C-alpha cells in the first residue's frame, strides 16, 4: 500500500556502510545483498577479497557457504562464493573436484 521499497533499500545500504566501517564485512555483505544493489554488493565483495589477500582468511563464512541465487546479484559475489567452495574442497584434499 505504501511502497516503502526505496526506504528499505536505503536502510540496507546504510547498515552496509556501518558494518564496513566497523570491520564486520560478513554482515556488510549480508546487508548489501538485502539492498539488492549490485554496485554496493560488489564493493563489499572486493573488501572481503582484499582482506583475504592480506590475511589469508575468509570473513562471513556462514553467509558465503549458504549463498544461493543471491550470489547472482554480482559477478564478484559469484567469484567469491565459487572461490570459497574451491578453497574448502582443496583443504579437504578433493583436488580433482576442486579443479572442476
N, C-alpha and C. Protein backbone atom coordinates (compact mmCIF):
# COMPACT_ATOMS: atom_id res chain seq x y z
N UNK A 1 0.82 -1.18 0.00
CA UNK A 1 0.00 0.00 0.00
C UNK A 1 0.88 1.26 0.00
N UNK A 2 1.95 1.26 0.80
CA UNK A 2 2.77 2.47 0.93
C UNK A 2 4.05 2.42 0.10
N UNK A 3 4.38 1.26 -0.46
CA UNK A 3 5.57 1.07 -1.28
C UNK A 3 6.80 1.70 -0.66
N UNK A 4 7.31 1.05 0.36
CA UNK A 4 8.47 1.54 1.08
C UNK A 4 9.76 0.85 0.63
N UNK A 5 9.77 0.29 -0.56
CA UNK A 5 10.94 -0.45 -1.03
C UNK A 5 12.17 0.45 -1.14
N UNK A 6 11.98 1.68 -1.57
CA UNK A 6 13.12 2.60 -1.67
C UNK A 6 13.71 2.89 -0.29
N UNK A 7 12.85 3.08 0.71
CA UNK A 7 13.31 3.34 2.06
C UNK A 7 14.02 2.10 2.63
N UNK A 8 13.48 0.92 2.36
CA UNK A 8 14.11 -0.31 2.83
C UNK A 8 15.49 -0.47 2.21
N UNK A 9 15.62 -0.17 0.93
CA UNK A 9 16.91 -0.27 0.25
C UNK A 9 17.89 0.74 0.87
N UNK A 10 17.42 1.93 1.17
CA UNK A 10 18.27 2.94 1.79
C UNK A 10 18.76 2.49 3.16
N UNK A 11 17.89 1.89 3.95
CA UNK A 11 18.28 1.38 5.27
C UNK A 11 19.33 0.29 5.12
N UNK A 12 19.14 -0.61 4.17
CA UNK A 12 20.10 -1.69 3.95
C UNK A 12 21.46 -1.14 3.54
N UNK A 13 21.48 -0.14 2.69
CA UNK A 13 22.75 0.47 2.28
C UNK A 13 23.44 1.16 3.47
N UNK A 14 22.67 1.83 4.30
CA UNK A 14 23.22 2.48 5.49
C UNK A 14 23.82 1.44 6.43
N UNK A 15 23.11 0.34 6.63
CA UNK A 15 23.62 -0.71 7.51
C UNK A 15 24.85 -1.37 6.91
N UNK A 16 24.90 -1.45 5.58
CA UNK A 16 26.09 -1.99 4.91
C UNK A 16 27.30 -1.13 5.25
N UNK A 17 27.16 0.18 5.09
CA UNK A 17 28.28 1.08 5.35
C UNK A 17 28.69 1.06 6.82
N UNK A 18 27.73 0.98 7.72
CA UNK A 18 28.06 0.90 9.15
C UNK A 18 28.85 -0.36 9.43
N UNK A 19 28.43 -1.48 8.84
CA UNK A 19 29.13 -2.74 9.06
C UNK A 19 30.54 -2.69 8.49
N UNK A 20 30.69 -2.10 7.31
CA UNK A 20 32.03 -1.97 6.71
C UNK A 20 32.92 -1.14 7.61
N UNK A 21 32.42 -0.01 8.06
CA UNK A 21 33.23 0.89 8.89
C UNK A 21 33.63 0.27 10.22
N UNK A 22 32.83 -0.67 10.71
CA UNK A 22 33.17 -1.33 11.98
C UNK A 22 33.91 -2.65 11.74
N UNK A 23 34.25 -2.94 10.49
CA UNK A 23 35.05 -4.12 10.19
C UNK A 23 34.29 -5.42 10.12
N UNK A 24 32.98 -5.36 10.10
CA UNK A 24 32.15 -6.57 10.03
C UNK A 24 31.76 -6.81 8.57
N UNK A 25 32.70 -7.35 7.81
CA UNK A 25 32.50 -7.50 6.37
C UNK A 25 31.46 -8.55 6.01
N UNK A 26 31.36 -9.61 6.80
CA UNK A 26 30.35 -10.62 6.54
C UNK A 26 28.94 -10.05 6.69
N UNK A 27 28.76 -9.28 7.75
CA UNK A 27 27.48 -8.61 7.97
C UNK A 27 27.21 -7.59 6.88
N UNK A 28 28.27 -6.88 6.47
CA UNK A 28 28.12 -5.90 5.40
C UNK A 28 27.66 -6.55 4.11
N UNK A 29 28.22 -7.72 3.79
CA UNK A 29 27.80 -8.42 2.58
C UNK A 29 26.34 -8.83 2.67
N UNK A 30 25.92 -9.29 3.84
CA UNK A 30 24.53 -9.68 4.03
C UNK A 30 23.60 -8.48 3.80
N UNK A 31 23.92 -7.34 4.37
CA UNK A 31 23.11 -6.14 4.18
C UNK A 31 23.13 -5.68 2.73
N UNK A 32 24.30 -5.78 2.10
CA UNK A 32 24.41 -5.36 0.70
C UNK A 32 23.54 -6.24 -0.19
N UNK A 33 23.52 -7.52 0.07
CA UNK A 33 22.67 -8.43 -0.71
C UNK A 33 21.20 -8.08 -0.49
N UNK A 34 20.84 -7.78 0.75
CA UNK A 34 19.45 -7.41 1.04
C UNK A 34 19.05 -6.11 0.35
N UNK A 35 20.03 -5.23 0.12
CA UNK A 35 19.73 -3.96 -0.54
C UNK A 35 19.45 -4.15 -2.02
N UNK A 36 19.87 -5.30 -2.56
CA UNK A 36 19.68 -5.61 -3.99
C UNK A 36 20.38 -4.58 -4.89
N UNK A 37 21.45 -3.98 -4.38
CA UNK A 37 22.24 -3.03 -5.16
C UNK A 37 23.55 -3.72 -5.54
N UNK A 38 23.69 -4.03 -6.82
CA UNK A 38 24.85 -4.79 -7.29
C UNK A 38 26.15 -4.04 -7.07
N UNK A 39 26.14 -2.74 -7.22
CA UNK A 39 27.36 -1.96 -7.04
C UNK A 39 27.84 -2.00 -5.60
N UNK A 40 26.93 -1.83 -4.68
CA UNK A 40 27.28 -1.88 -3.25
C UNK A 40 27.77 -3.28 -2.88
N UNK A 41 27.06 -4.30 -3.35
CA UNK A 41 27.44 -5.68 -3.05
C UNK A 41 28.81 -6.01 -3.63
N UNK A 42 29.09 -5.56 -4.83
CA UNK A 42 30.39 -5.80 -5.45
C UNK A 42 31.50 -5.11 -4.67
N UNK A 43 31.22 -3.92 -4.16
CA UNK A 43 32.21 -3.21 -3.35
C UNK A 43 32.55 -3.96 -2.07
N UNK A 44 31.55 -4.52 -1.43
CA UNK A 44 31.79 -5.30 -0.21
C UNK A 44 32.55 -6.58 -0.56
N UNK A 45 32.18 -7.23 -1.65
CA UNK A 45 32.91 -8.43 -2.08
C UNK A 45 34.38 -8.10 -2.33
N UNK A 46 34.65 -6.95 -2.92
CA UNK A 46 36.04 -6.51 -3.12
C UNK A 46 36.78 -6.38 -1.79
N UNK A 47 36.11 -5.81 -0.80
CA UNK A 47 36.73 -5.64 0.51
C UNK A 47 37.03 -6.99 1.16
N UNK A 48 36.11 -7.95 0.98
CA UNK A 48 36.34 -9.29 1.53
C UNK A 48 37.51 -9.95 0.82
N UNK A 49 37.61 -9.80 -0.48
CA UNK A 49 38.74 -10.36 -1.22
C UNK A 49 40.05 -9.68 -0.83
N UNK A 50 40.02 -8.38 -0.62
CA UNK A 50 41.21 -7.66 -0.16
C UNK A 50 41.66 -8.18 1.20
N UNK A 51 40.69 -8.39 2.08
CA UNK A 51 41.00 -8.92 3.42
C UNK A 51 41.62 -10.30 3.29
N UNK A 52 41.05 -11.12 2.42
CA UNK A 52 41.60 -12.47 2.22
C UNK A 52 43.03 -12.39 1.68
N UNK A 53 43.27 -11.50 0.75
CA UNK A 53 44.61 -11.36 0.16
C UNK A 53 45.63 -10.91 1.21
N UNK A 54 45.21 -10.07 2.16
CA UNK A 54 46.11 -9.57 3.18
C UNK A 54 46.32 -10.55 4.33
N UNK A 55 45.23 -11.22 4.75
CA UNK A 55 45.28 -12.04 5.96
C UNK A 55 45.22 -13.54 5.70
N UNK A 56 44.79 -13.94 4.52
CA UNK A 56 44.69 -15.36 4.22
C UNK A 56 43.49 -16.03 4.85
N UNK A 57 42.51 -15.25 5.28
CA UNK A 57 41.30 -15.80 5.91
C UNK A 57 40.07 -15.17 5.29
N UNK A 58 39.03 -16.01 5.18
CA UNK A 58 37.73 -15.51 4.72
C UNK A 58 36.97 -14.95 5.91
N UNK A 59 36.13 -13.98 5.66
CA UNK A 59 35.19 -13.48 6.67
C UNK A 59 33.78 -13.77 6.16
N UNK A 60 32.86 -13.89 7.09
CA UNK A 60 31.48 -14.16 6.70
C UNK A 60 31.29 -15.57 6.14
N UNK A 61 31.97 -16.54 6.75
CA UNK A 61 31.94 -17.90 6.21
C UNK A 61 30.54 -18.49 6.14
N UNK A 62 29.74 -18.27 7.19
CA UNK A 62 28.38 -18.83 7.18
C UNK A 62 27.59 -18.32 5.99
N UNK A 63 27.70 -17.04 5.74
CA UNK A 63 26.98 -16.45 4.61
C UNK A 63 27.51 -16.97 3.29
N UNK A 64 28.83 -16.99 3.14
CA UNK A 64 29.42 -17.47 1.89
C UNK A 64 29.05 -18.91 1.61
N UNK A 65 29.01 -19.73 2.66
CA UNK A 65 28.71 -21.14 2.48
C UNK A 65 27.24 -21.40 2.20
N UNK A 66 26.39 -20.43 2.50
CA UNK A 66 24.95 -20.66 2.32
C UNK A 66 24.32 -19.82 1.21
N UNK A 67 25.13 -19.10 0.45
CA UNK A 67 24.57 -18.28 -0.63
C UNK A 67 23.93 -19.17 -1.68
N UNK A 68 22.76 -18.79 -2.07
CA UNK A 68 22.07 -19.47 -3.16
C UNK A 68 22.01 -18.53 -4.35
N UNK A 69 20.83 -18.31 -4.84
CA UNK A 69 20.66 -17.44 -6.00
C UNK A 69 21.01 -15.99 -5.70
N UNK A 70 21.15 -15.65 -4.41
CA UNK A 70 21.52 -14.28 -4.04
C UNK A 70 22.87 -13.89 -4.63
N UNK A 71 23.73 -14.90 -4.83
CA UNK A 71 25.07 -14.59 -5.34
C UNK A 71 25.02 -14.01 -6.75
N UNK A 72 23.93 -14.23 -7.46
CA UNK A 72 23.82 -13.76 -8.84
C UNK A 72 23.65 -12.25 -8.93
N UNK A 73 23.54 -11.60 -7.79
CA UNK A 73 23.42 -10.14 -7.77
C UNK A 73 24.65 -9.48 -8.39
N UNK A 74 25.81 -10.11 -8.20
CA UNK A 74 27.06 -9.51 -8.67
C UNK A 74 28.03 -10.61 -9.06
N UNK A 75 28.75 -10.42 -10.16
CA UNK A 75 29.73 -11.42 -10.58
C UNK A 75 30.85 -11.53 -9.56
N UNK A 76 31.12 -10.48 -8.81
CA UNK A 76 32.15 -10.54 -7.78
C UNK A 76 31.71 -11.42 -6.62
N UNK A 77 30.43 -11.41 -6.31
CA UNK A 77 29.93 -12.30 -5.26
C UNK A 77 29.95 -13.74 -5.77
N UNK A 78 29.63 -13.95 -7.03
CA UNK A 78 29.71 -15.29 -7.61
C UNK A 78 31.15 -15.79 -7.50
N UNK A 79 32.11 -14.96 -7.90
CA UNK A 79 33.52 -15.35 -7.81
C UNK A 79 33.89 -15.68 -6.37
N UNK A 80 33.51 -14.82 -5.44
CA UNK A 80 33.84 -15.01 -4.03
C UNK A 80 33.28 -16.33 -3.52
N UNK A 81 32.03 -16.61 -3.84
CA UNK A 81 31.39 -17.85 -3.41
C UNK A 81 32.05 -19.07 -4.03
N UNK A 82 32.32 -19.00 -5.31
CA UNK A 82 32.97 -20.13 -6.00
C UNK A 82 34.39 -20.34 -5.51
N UNK A 83 35.11 -19.26 -5.25
CA UNK A 83 36.47 -19.39 -4.74
C UNK A 83 36.46 -20.00 -3.34
N UNK A 84 35.50 -19.61 -2.54
CA UNK A 84 35.35 -20.19 -1.20
C UNK A 84 35.10 -21.69 -1.31
N UNK A 85 34.24 -22.09 -2.23
CA UNK A 85 33.95 -23.52 -2.43
C UNK A 85 35.21 -24.25 -2.87
N UNK A 86 35.95 -23.68 -3.82
CA UNK A 86 37.21 -24.26 -4.27
C UNK A 86 38.17 -24.43 -3.10
N UNK A 87 38.26 -23.40 -2.28
CA UNK A 87 39.17 -23.42 -1.15
C UNK A 87 38.81 -24.54 -0.18
N UNK A 88 37.54 -24.72 0.12
CA UNK A 88 37.09 -25.79 1.02
C UNK A 88 37.42 -27.16 0.46
N UNK A 89 37.14 -27.36 -0.81
CA UNK A 89 37.45 -28.65 -1.45
C UNK A 89 38.95 -28.91 -1.46
N UNK A 90 39.73 -27.90 -1.75
CA UNK A 90 41.18 -28.03 -1.78
C UNK A 90 41.72 -28.41 -0.40
N UNK A 91 41.21 -27.74 0.64
CA UNK A 91 41.65 -28.04 2.01
C UNK A 91 41.27 -29.46 2.41
N UNK A 92 40.16 -29.96 1.86
CA UNK A 92 39.72 -31.32 2.17
C UNK A 92 40.46 -32.37 1.35
N UNK A 93 41.36 -31.93 0.48
CA UNK A 93 42.13 -32.87 -0.32
C UNK A 93 41.39 -33.38 -1.54
N UNK A 94 40.28 -32.76 -1.88
CA UNK A 94 39.48 -33.17 -3.05
C UNK A 94 39.92 -32.34 -4.25
N UNK A 95 41.15 -32.58 -4.68
CA UNK A 95 41.76 -31.74 -5.71
C UNK A 95 41.05 -31.85 -7.06
N UNK A 96 40.65 -33.05 -7.42
CA UNK A 96 40.00 -33.23 -8.72
C UNK A 96 38.66 -32.49 -8.77
N UNK A 97 37.87 -32.63 -7.72
CA UNK A 97 36.57 -31.95 -7.65
C UNK A 97 36.77 -30.44 -7.59
N UNK A 98 37.79 -30.00 -6.86
CA UNK A 98 38.06 -28.57 -6.73
C UNK A 98 38.43 -27.96 -8.07
N UNK A 99 39.09 -28.73 -8.92
CA UNK A 99 39.52 -28.22 -10.22
C UNK A 99 38.46 -28.23 -11.28
N UNK A 100 37.30 -28.76 -10.98
CA UNK A 100 36.23 -28.81 -11.99
C UNK A 100 35.52 -27.49 -12.14
